[in-house]
PDB file of N, CA and C in Angstrom:
ATOM      1  N   MET A   1     -62.467  10.267  63.864  1.00  0.00           N
ATOM      2  CA  MET A   1     -62.318   8.835  63.846  1.00  0.00           C
ATOM      3  C   MET A   1     -61.222   8.423  64.821  1.00  0.00           C
ATOM      4  N   VAL A   2     -61.468   7.436  65.588  1.00  0.00           N
ATOM      5  CA  VAL A   2     -60.546   6.959  66.608  1.00  0.00           C
ATOM      6  C   VAL A   2     -59.468   6.089  65.978  1.00  0.00           C
ATOM      7  N   LEU A   3     -58.221   6.246  66.428  1.00  0.00           N
ATOM      8  CA  LEU A   3     -57.100   5.407  65.919  1.00  0.00           C
ATOM      9  C   LEU A   3     -57.206   4.050  66.584  1.00  0.00           C
ATOM     10  N   GLU A   4     -57.343   3.049  65.832  1.00  0.00           N
ATOM     11  CA  GLU A   4     -57.363   1.672  66.346  1.00  0.00           C
ATOM     12  C   GLU A   4     -56.862   0.705  65.255  1.00  0.00           C
ATOM     13  N   PRO A   5     -56.419  -0.497  65.638  1.00  0.00           N
ATOM     14  CA  PRO A   5     -55.880  -1.445  64.674  1.00  0.00           C
ATOM     15  C   PRO A   5     -56.898  -1.750  63.539  1.00  0.00           C
ATOM     16  N   GLY A   6     -56.401  -1.805  62.308  1.00  0.00           N
ATOM     17  CA  GLY A   6     -57.243  -2.139  61.149  1.00  0.00           C
ATOM     18  C   GLY A   6     -57.703  -0.907  60.435  1.00  0.00           C
ATOM     19  N   ILE A   7     -57.307   0.262  60.791  1.00  0.00           N
ATOM     20  CA  ILE A   7     -57.779   1.456  60.094  1.00  0.00           C
ATOM     21  C   ILE A   7     -56.670   1.951  59.134  1.00  0.00           C
ATOM     22  N   LEU A   8     -57.038   2.376  57.939  1.00  0.00           N
ATOM     23  CA  LEU A   8     -56.149   2.979  56.999  1.00  0.00           C
ATOM     24  C   LEU A   8     -55.798   4.377  57.512  1.00  0.00           C
ATOM     25  N   ALA A   9     -54.539   4.724  57.393  1.00  0.00           N
ATOM     26  CA  ALA A   9     -54.115   6.024  57.876  1.00  0.00           C
ATOM     27  C   ALA A   9     -53.060   6.641  56.928  1.00  0.00           C
ATOM     28  N   LYS A  10     -53.054   7.954  56.892  1.00  0.00           N
ATOM     29  CA  LYS A  10     -52.104   8.687  56.058  1.00  0.00           C
ATOM     30  C   LYS A  10     -51.161   9.446  56.979  1.00  0.00           C
ATOM     31  N   SER A  11     -49.871   9.436  56.622  1.00  0.00           N
ATOM     32  CA  SER A  11     -48.844  10.102  57.371  1.00  0.00           C
ATOM     33  C   SER A  11     -48.969  11.604  57.074  1.00  0.00           C
ATOM     34  N   LYS A  12     -49.057  12.452  58.104  1.00  0.00           N
ATOM     35  CA  LYS A  12     -49.185  13.910  57.922  1.00  0.00           C
ATOM     36  C   LYS A  12     -47.837  14.603  57.996  1.00  0.00           C
ATOM     37  N   ALA A  13     -46.803  14.012  58.536  1.00  0.00           N
ATOM     38  CA  ALA A  13     -45.540  14.666  58.722  1.00  0.00           C
ATOM     39  C   ALA A  13     -44.414  13.669  58.636  1.00  0.00           C
ATOM     40  N   GLY A  14     -43.224  14.216  58.369  1.00  0.00           N
ATOM     41  CA  GLY A  14     -42.044  13.392  58.335  1.00  0.00           C
ATOM     42  C   GLY A  14     -41.612  13.054  56.928  1.00  0.00           C
ATOM     43  N   ARG A  15     -40.610  12.189  56.845  1.00  0.00           N
ATOM     44  CA  ARG A  15     -40.050  11.805  55.553  1.00  0.00           C
ATOM     45  C   ARG A  15     -41.037  11.033  54.724  1.00  0.00           C
ATOM     46  N   ASP A  16     -41.962  10.361  55.354  1.00  0.00           N
ATOM     47  CA  ASP A  16     -42.981   9.524  54.711  1.00  0.00           C
ATOM     48  C   ASP A  16     -44.351  10.233  54.551  1.00  0.00           C
ATOM     49  N   LYS A  17     -44.356  11.568  54.542  1.00  0.00           N
ATOM     50  CA  LYS A  17     -45.559  12.352  54.409  1.00  0.00           C
ATOM     51  C   LYS A  17     -46.378  11.888  53.237  1.00  0.00           C
ATOM     52  N   ASP A  18     -47.712  11.770  53.440  1.00  0.00           N
ATOM     53  CA  ASP A  18     -48.698  11.357  52.436  1.00  0.00           C
ATOM     54  C   ASP A  18     -48.639   9.886  52.065  1.00  0.00           C
ATOM     55  N   CYS A  19     -47.846   9.087  52.739  1.00  0.00           N
ATOM     56  CA  CYS A  19     -47.882   7.655  52.548  1.00  0.00           C
ATOM     57  C   CYS A  19     -49.051   7.011  53.276  1.00  0.00           C
ATOM     58  N   ILE A  20     -49.575   5.939  52.699  1.00  0.00           N
ATOM     59  CA  ILE A  20     -50.748   5.274  53.276  1.00  0.00           C
ATOM     60  C   ILE A  20     -50.300   3.982  53.975  1.00  0.00           C
ATOM     61  N   TYR A  21     -50.799   3.817  55.143  1.00  0.00           N
ATOM     62  CA  TYR A  21     -50.495   2.638  55.962  1.00  0.00           C
ATOM     63  C   TYR A  21     -51.735   2.026  56.546  1.00  0.00           C
ATOM     64  N   VAL A  22     -51.563   0.874  57.167  1.00  0.00           N
ATOM     65  CA  VAL A  22     -52.635   0.262  58.009  1.00  0.00           C
ATOM     66  C   VAL A  22     -52.100   0.287  59.437  1.00  0.00           C
ATOM     67  N   ILE A  23     -52.898   0.697  60.373  1.00  0.00           N
ATOM     68  CA  ILE A  23     -52.512   0.720  61.744  1.00  0.00           C
ATOM     69  C   ILE A  23     -52.514  -0.738  62.277  1.00  0.00           C
ATOM     70  N   ILE A  24     -51.364  -1.110  62.838  1.00  0.00           N
ATOM     71  CA  ILE A  24     -51.220  -2.435  63.375  1.00  0.00           C
ATOM     72  C   ILE A  24     -51.544  -2.445  64.856  1.00  0.00           C
ATOM     73  N   SER A  25     -51.002  -1.520  65.631  1.00  0.00           N
ATOM     74  CA  SER A  25     -51.305  -1.437  67.061  1.00  0.00           C
ATOM     75  C   SER A  25     -51.259   0.035  67.473  1.00  0.00           C
ATOM     76  N   VAL A  26     -51.796   0.282  68.661  1.00  0.00           N
ATOM     77  CA  VAL A  26     -51.884   1.650  69.211  1.00  0.00           C
ATOM     78  C   VAL A  26     -51.557   1.587  70.719  1.00  0.00           C
ATOM     79  N   ASN A  27     -50.762   2.561  71.158  1.00  0.00           N
ATOM     80  CA  ASN A  27     -50.591   2.741  72.637  1.00  0.00           C
ATOM     81  C   ASN A  27     -50.848   4.201  72.916  1.00  0.00           C
ATOM     82  N   ASP A  28     -50.556   4.614  74.148  1.00  0.00           N
ATOM     83  CA  ASP A  28     -50.901   5.984  74.587  1.00  0.00           C
ATOM     84  C   ASP A  28     -50.391   7.071  73.697  1.00  0.00           C
ATOM     85  N   GLU A  29     -49.104   6.983  73.265  1.00  0.00           N
ATOM     86  CA  GLU A  29     -48.481   8.083  72.580  1.00  0.00           C
ATOM     87  C   GLU A  29     -48.199   7.766  71.073  1.00  0.00           C
ATOM     88  N   TYR A  30     -48.068   6.503  70.763  1.00  0.00           N
ATOM     89  CA  TYR A  30     -47.614   6.128  69.398  1.00  0.00           C
ATOM     90  C   TYR A  30     -48.576   5.141  68.756  1.00  0.00           C
ATOM     91  N   VAL A  31     -48.524   5.113  67.405  1.00  0.00           N
ATOM     92  CA  VAL A  31     -49.190   4.063  66.612  1.00  0.00           C
ATOM     93  C   VAL A  31     -48.109   3.297  65.846  1.00  0.00           C
ATOM     94  N   TYR A  32     -48.367   2.083  65.517  1.00  0.00           N
ATOM     95  CA  TYR A  32     -47.444   1.266  64.745  1.00  0.00           C
ATOM     96  C   TYR A  32     -48.092   0.985  63.391  1.00  0.00           C
ATOM     97  N   LEU A  33     -47.401   1.310  62.334  1.00  0.00           N
ATOM     98  CA  LEU A  33     -47.977   1.276  60.978  1.00  0.00           C
ATOM     99  C   LEU A  33     -47.236   0.298  60.058  1.00  0.00           C
ATOM    100  N   ALA A  34     -47.939  -0.271  59.135  1.00  0.00           N
ATOM    101  CA  ALA A  34     -47.283  -1.181  58.142  1.00  0.00           C
ATOM    102  C   ALA A  34     -47.935  -0.917  56.768  1.00  0.00           C
ATOM    103  N   ASP A  35     -47.095  -1.090  55.758  1.00  0.00           N
ATOM    104  CA  ASP A  35     -47.581  -0.976  54.391  1.00  0.00           C
ATOM    105  C   ASP A  35     -47.430  -2.286  53.584  1.00  0.00           C
ATOM    106  N   GLY A  36     -46.843  -3.281  54.250  1.00  0.00           N
ATOM    107  CA  GLY A  36     -46.674  -4.609  53.644  1.00  0.00           C
ATOM    108  C   GLY A  36     -45.504  -4.780  52.774  1.00  0.00           C
ATOM    109  N   LYS A  37     -44.857  -3.697  52.407  1.00  0.00           N
ATOM    110  CA  LYS A  37     -43.675  -3.742  51.555  1.00  0.00           C
ATOM    111  C   LYS A  37     -42.443  -3.400  52.367  1.00  0.00           C
ATOM    112  N   LYS A  38     -42.118  -2.089  52.460  1.00  0.00           N
ATOM    113  CA  LYS A  38     -40.988  -1.628  53.203  1.00  0.00           C
ATOM    114  C   LYS A  38     -41.237  -1.821  54.703  1.00  0.00           C
ATOM    115  N   ARG A  39     -42.440  -1.491  55.147  1.00  0.00           N
ATOM    116  CA  ARG A  39     -42.775  -1.599  56.529  1.00  0.00           C
ATOM    117  C   ARG A  39     -43.702  -2.822  56.738  1.00  0.00           C
ATOM    118  N   THR A  40     -43.127  -3.924  57.106  1.00  0.00           N
ATOM    119  CA  THR A  40     -43.916  -5.120  57.253  1.00  0.00           C
ATOM    120  C   THR A  40     -44.544  -5.140  58.672  1.00  0.00           C
ATOM    121  N   VAL A  41     -45.364  -6.143  58.936  1.00  0.00           N
ATOM    122  CA  VAL A  41     -46.008  -6.298  60.234  1.00  0.00           C
ATOM    123  C   VAL A  41     -44.931  -6.507  61.282  1.00  0.00           C
ATOM    124  N   ASN A  42     -43.874  -7.231  60.997  1.00  0.00           N
ATOM    125  CA  ASN A  42     -42.817  -7.540  61.949  1.00  0.00           C
ATOM    126  C   ASN A  42     -41.901  -6.324  62.241  1.00  0.00           C
ATOM    127  N   GLN A  43     -41.853  -5.421  61.307  1.00  0.00           N
ATOM    128  CA  GLN A  43     -41.002  -4.217  61.406  1.00  0.00           C
ATOM    129  C   GLN A  43     -41.869  -2.967  61.203  1.00  0.00           C
ATOM    130  N   ALA A  44     -42.917  -2.843  61.968  1.00  0.00           N
ATOM    131  CA  ALA A  44     -43.865  -1.759  61.816  1.00  0.00           C
ATOM    132  C   ALA A  44     -43.204  -0.429  62.187  1.00  0.00           C
ATOM    133  N   LYS A  45     -43.685   0.629  61.520  1.00  0.00           N
ATOM    134  CA  LYS A  45     -43.143   1.955  61.744  1.00  0.00           C
ATOM    135  C   LYS A  45     -43.811   2.575  62.968  1.00  0.00           C
ATOM    136  N   LYS A  46     -43.022   3.051  63.856  1.00  0.00           N
ATOM    137  CA  LYS A  46     -43.517   3.735  65.078  1.00  0.00           C
ATOM    138  C   LYS A  46     -43.690   5.218  64.748  1.00  0.00           C
ATOM    139  N   LYS A  47     -44.875   5.731  64.940  1.00  0.00           N
ATOM    140  CA  LYS A  47     -45.154   7.108  64.588  1.00  0.00           C
ATOM    141  C   LYS A  47     -46.011   7.772  65.690  1.00  0.00           C
ATOM    142  N   ASN A  48     -45.747   9.038  65.929  1.00  0.00           N
ATOM    143  CA  ASN A  48     -46.510   9.768  66.932  1.00  0.00           C
ATOM    144  C   ASN A  48     -47.974   9.897  66.403  1.00  0.00           C
ATOM    145  N   ARG A  49     -48.892   9.724  67.369  1.00  0.00           N
ATOM    146  CA  ARG A  49     -50.311   9.777  67.039  1.00  0.00           C
ATOM    147  C   ARG A  49     -50.751  11.037  66.316  1.00  0.00           C
ATOM    148  N   LYS A  50     -50.170  12.166  66.676  1.00  0.00           N
ATOM    149  CA  LYS A  50     -50.608  13.441  66.079  1.00  0.00           C
ATOM    150  C   LYS A  50     -50.092  13.606  64.666  1.00  0.00           C
ATOM    151  N   HIS A  51     -49.177  12.717  64.182  1.00  0.00           N
ATOM    152  CA  HIS A  51     -48.680  12.807  62.827  1.00  0.00           C
ATOM    153  C   HIS A  51     -49.369  11.822  61.860  1.00  0.00           C
ATOM    154  N   VAL A  52     -50.512  11.277  62.331  1.00  0.00           N
ATOM    155  CA  VAL A  52     -51.250  10.289  61.550  1.00  0.00           C
ATOM    156  C   VAL A  52     -52.720  10.738  61.428  1.00  0.00           C
ATOM    157  N   GLN A  53     -53.201  10.629  60.181  1.00  0.00           N
ATOM    158  CA  GLN A  53     -54.607  10.993  59.912  1.00  0.00           C
ATOM    159  C   GLN A  53     -55.357   9.747  59.505  1.00  0.00           C
ATOM    160  N   PRO A  54     -56.394   9.327  60.189  1.00  0.00           N
ATOM    161  CA  PRO A  54     -57.165   8.154  59.769  1.00  0.00           C
ATOM    162  C   PRO A  54     -57.983   8.522  58.532  1.00  0.00           C
ATOM    163  N   ILE A  55     -58.011   7.610  57.521  1.00  0.00           N
ATOM    164  CA  ILE A  55     -58.705   7.877  56.297  1.00  0.00           C
ATOM    165  C   ILE A  55     -59.780   6.868  55.961  1.00  0.00           C
ATOM    166  N   GLY A  56     -59.866   5.748  56.687  1.00  0.00           N
ATOM    167  CA  GLY A  56     -60.869   4.739  56.402  1.00  0.00           C
ATOM    168  C   GLY A  56     -60.663   3.489  57.137  1.00  0.00           C
ATOM    169  N   ARG A  57     -61.708   2.756  57.244  1.00  0.00           N
ATOM    170  CA  ARG A  57     -61.690   1.459  57.962  1.00  0.00           C
ATOM    171  C   ARG A  57     -61.490   0.318  56.957  1.00  0.00           C
ATOM    172  N   VAL A  58     -60.627  -0.642  57.354  1.00  0.00           N
ATOM    173  CA  VAL A  58     -60.438  -1.819  56.501  1.00  0.00           C
ATOM    174  C   VAL A  58     -61.619  -2.733  56.646  1.00  0.00           C
ATOM    175  N   HIS A  59     -62.188  -3.187  55.559  1.00  0.00           N
ATOM    176  CA  HIS A  59     -63.302  -4.094  55.618  1.00  0.00           C
ATOM    177  C   HIS A  59     -62.826  -5.429  56.141  1.00  0.00           C
ATOM    178  N   GLY A  60     -63.529  -5.974  57.147  1.00  0.00           N
ATOM    179  CA  GLY A  60     -63.210  -7.249  57.709  1.00  0.00           C
ATOM    180  C   GLY A  60     -62.366  -7.201  58.935  1.00  0.00           C
ATOM    181  N   GLY A  61     -62.269  -5.977  59.544  1.00  0.00           N
ATOM    182  CA  GLY A  61     -61.518  -5.905  60.807  1.00  0.00           C
ATOM    183  C   GLY A  61     -60.032  -5.638  60.617  1.00  0.00           C
ATOM    184  N   SER A  62     -59.271  -6.034  61.614  1.00  0.00           N
ATOM    185  CA  SER A  62     -57.811  -5.749  61.593  1.00  0.00           C
ATOM    186  C   SER A  62     -57.112  -6.679  60.635  1.00  0.00           C
ATOM    187  N   VAL A  63     -56.003  -6.167  60.093  1.00  0.00           N
ATOM    188  CA  VAL A  63     -55.219  -6.863  59.089  1.00  0.00           C
ATOM    189  C   VAL A  63     -53.857  -7.201  59.670  1.00  0.00           C
ATOM    190  N   THR A  64     -53.457  -8.433  59.617  1.00  0.00           N
ATOM    191  CA  THR A  64     -52.148  -8.798  60.193  1.00  0.00           C
ATOM    192  C   THR A  64     -51.212  -9.534  59.201  1.00  0.00           C
ATOM    193  N   ASP A  65     -51.610  -9.646  57.971  1.00  0.00           N
ATOM    194  CA  ASP A  65     -50.824 -10.317  56.939  1.00  0.00           C
ATOM    195  C   ASP A  65     -50.295  -9.284  55.953  1.00  0.00           C
ATOM    196  N   ASN A  66     -49.006  -9.368  55.619  1.00  0.00           N
ATOM    197  CA  ASN A  66     -48.440  -8.396  54.723  1.00  0.00           C
ATOM    198  C   ASN A  66     -49.057  -8.367  53.363  1.00  0.00           C
ATOM    199  N   ASP A  67     -49.445  -9.513  52.822  1.00  0.00           N
ATOM    200  CA  ASP A  67     -50.060  -9.575  51.530  1.00  0.00           C
ATOM    201  C   ASP A  67     -51.452  -8.940  51.547  1.00  0.00           C
ATOM    202  N   GLU A  68     -52.161  -9.131  52.659  1.00  0.00           N
ATOM    203  CA  GLU A  68     -53.487  -8.562  52.803  1.00  0.00           C
ATOM    204  C   GLU A  68     -53.391  -7.037  52.934  1.00  0.00           C
ATOM    205  N   ILE A  69     -52.387  -6.557  53.667  1.00  0.00           N
ATOM    206  CA  ILE A  69     -52.200  -5.115  53.805  1.00  0.00           C
ATOM    207  C   ILE A  69     -51.870  -4.481  52.461  1.00  0.00           C
ATOM    208  N   LYS A  70     -50.997  -5.077  51.669  1.00  0.00           N
ATOM    209  CA  LYS A  70     -50.692  -4.577  50.335  1.00  0.00           C
ATOM    210  C   LYS A  70     -51.926  -4.554  49.457  1.00  0.00           C
ATOM    211  N   ARG A  71     -52.780  -5.569  49.562  1.00  0.00           N
ATOM    212  CA  ARG A  71     -54.021  -5.615  48.780  1.00  0.00           C
ATOM    213  C   ARG A  71     -55.012  -4.529  49.179  1.00  0.00           C
ATOM    214  N   VAL A  72     -55.143  -4.329  50.462  1.00  0.00           N
ATOM    215  CA  VAL A  72     -56.071  -3.280  50.953  1.00  0.00           C
ATOM    216  C   VAL A  72     -55.562  -1.883  50.559  1.00  0.00           C
ATOM    217  N   ILE A  73     -54.338  -1.586  50.658  1.00  0.00           N
ATOM    218  CA  ILE A  73     -53.814  -0.285  50.264  1.00  0.00           C
ATOM    219  C   ILE A  73     -53.946  -0.064  48.793  1.00  0.00           C
ATOM    220  N   LYS A  74     -53.615  -1.092  48.050  1.00  0.00           N
ATOM    221  CA  LYS A  74     -53.752  -1.027  46.565  1.00  0.00           C
ATOM    222  C   LYS A  74     -55.205  -0.768  46.170  1.00  0.00           C
ATOM    223  N   GLN A  75     -56.151  -1.428  46.836  1.00  0.00           N
ATOM    224  CA  GLN A  75     -57.521  -1.286  46.542  1.00  0.00           C
ATOM    225  C   GLN A  75     -57.997   0.163  46.904  1.00  0.00           C
ATOM    226  N   TYR A  76     -57.521   0.688  48.007  1.00  0.00           N
ATOM    227  CA  TYR A  76     -57.871   2.031  48.378  1.00  0.00           C
ATOM    228  C   TYR A  76     -57.371   3.042  47.320  1.00  0.00           C
ATOM    229  N   ILE A  77     -56.100   2.870  46.920  1.00  0.00           N
ATOM    230  CA  ILE A  77     -55.485   3.766  45.939  1.00  0.00           C
ATOM    231  C   ILE A  77     -56.242   3.688  44.624  1.00  0.00           C
ATOM    232  N   LYS A  78     -56.608   2.463  44.201  1.00  0.00           N
ATOM    233  CA  LYS A  78     -57.341   2.297  42.908  1.00  0.00           C
ATOM    234  C   LYS A  78     -58.689   2.958  43.052  1.00  0.00           C
ATOM    235  N   GLY A  79     -59.398   2.798  44.146  1.00  0.00           N
ATOM    236  CA  GLY A  79     -60.696   3.455  44.301  1.00  0.00           C
ATOM    237  C   GLY A  79     -60.554   4.947  44.305  1.00  0.00           C
ATOM    238  N   TYR A  80     -59.459   5.481  44.873  1.00  0.00           N
ATOM    239  CA  TYR A  80     -59.255   6.944  44.923  1.00  0.00           C
ATOM    240  C   TYR A  80     -58.935   7.406  43.481  1.00  0.00           C
ATOM    241  N   ALA A  81     -58.185   6.610  42.681  1.00  0.00           N
ATOM    242  CA  ALA A  81     -57.900   6.977  41.303  1.00  0.00           C
ATOM    243  C   ALA A  81     -59.166   6.969  40.450  1.00  0.00           C
ATOM    244  N   ASP A  82     -60.053   5.975  40.717  1.00  0.00           N
ATOM    245  CA  ASP A  82     -61.322   5.903  39.960  1.00  0.00           C
ATOM    246  C   ASP A  82     -62.164   7.132  40.222  1.00  0.00           C
ATOM    247  N   VAL A  83     -62.152   7.636  41.465  1.00  0.00           N
ATOM    248  CA  VAL A  83     -62.930   8.845  41.812  1.00  0.00           C
ATOM    249  C   VAL A  83     -62.316  10.058  41.076  1.00  0.00           C
ATOM    250  N   ASP A  84     -61.007  10.103  40.992  1.00  0.00           N
ATOM    251  CA  ASP A  84     -60.356  11.236  40.314  1.00  0.00           C
ATOM    252  C   ASP A  84     -60.717  11.169  38.799  1.00  0.00           C
ATOM    253  N   GLU A  85     -60.693   9.983  38.181  1.00  0.00           N
ATOM    254  CA  GLU A  85     -61.063   9.844  36.775  1.00  0.00           C
ATOM    255  C   GLU A  85     -62.474  10.261  36.542  1.00  0.00           C
ATOM    256  N   SER A  86     -63.388   9.908  37.421  1.00  0.00           N
ATOM    257  CA  SER A  86     -64.792  10.274  37.188  1.00  0.00           C
ATOM    258  C   SER A  86     -64.967  11.764  37.338  1.00  0.00           C
ATOM    259  N   LYS A  87     -64.230  12.428  38.240  1.00  0.00           N
ATOM    260  CA  LYS A  87     -64.284  13.901  38.358  1.00  0.00           C
ATOM    261  C   LYS A  87     -63.740  14.527  37.083  1.00  0.00           C
ATOM    262  N   LYS A  88     -62.692  13.991  36.482  1.00  0.00           N
ATOM    263  CA  LYS A  88     -62.096  14.514  35.291  1.00  0.00           C
ATOM    264  C   LYS A  88     -63.139  14.388  34.086  1.00  0.00           C
ATOM    265  N   SER A  89     -63.832  13.253  34.003  1.00  0.00           N
ATOM    266  CA  SER A  89     -64.743  13.046  32.917  1.00  0.00           C
ATOM    267  C   SER A  89     -65.947  13.977  33.066  1.00  0.00           C
ATOM    268  N   VAL A  90     -66.415  14.230  34.326  1.00  0.00           N
ATOM    269  CA  VAL A  90     -67.502  15.160  34.560  1.00  0.00           C
ATOM    270  C   VAL A  90     -67.069  16.560  34.219  1.00  0.00           C
ATOM    271  N   GLN A  91     -65.889  16.916  34.641  1.00  0.00           N
ATOM    272  CA  GLN A  91     -65.335  18.265  34.318  1.00  0.00           C
ATOM    273  C   GLN A  91     -65.158  18.452  32.823  1.00  0.00           C
ATOM    274  N   LYS A  92     -64.724  17.452  32.075  1.00  0.00           N
ATOM    275  CA  LYS A  92     -64.558  17.500  30.669  1.00  0.00           C
ATOM    276  C   LYS A  92     -65.877  17.653  30.010  1.00  0.00           C
ATOM    277  N   ALA A  93     -66.900  16.946  30.446  1.00  0.00           N
ATOM    278  CA  ALA A  93     -68.244  17.062  29.881  1.00  0.00           C
ATOM    279  C   ALA A  93     -68.810  18.448  30.080  1.00  0.00           C
ATOM    280  N   ARG A  94     -68.509  19.071  31.194  1.00  0.00           N
ATOM    281  CA  ARG A  94     -68.994  20.447  31.436  1.00  0.00           C
ATOM    282  C   ARG A  94     -68.373  21.418  30.535  1.00  0.00           C
ATOM    283  N   GLU A  95     -67.046  21.174  30.182  1.00  0.00           N
ATOM    284  CA  GLU A  95     -66.302  22.075  29.278  1.00  0.00           C
ATOM    285  C   GLU A  95     -66.877  21.984  27.853  1.00  0.00           C
ATOM    286  N   ASP A  96     -67.377  20.830  27.450  1.00  0.00           N
ATOM    287  CA  ASP A  96     -67.873  20.619  26.116  1.00  0.00           C
ATOM    288  C   ASP A  96     -69.211  21.263  25.965  1.00  0.00           C
TER     289      ASP A  96
END
């Protein structure tokens, strides 16, 4: 997947490893990330491209509002938790 604005991405390295962000902008060597809370659109985190893993596309294109970024990330995490819960229930049914 190509790194471009509006894509959800996970940090692969650094102090913020495994944190989920939305890509705000991209240049040759770096991407700028925001999570809407600590890293807002106005104070985006500058991160090396090779330390970022794209994990999904934001529905509706690029996101430039902090509240919208928080909503999108929360929705992604909730969907991921729902998948984990369904795996647990299937695994539990197999054990029974």
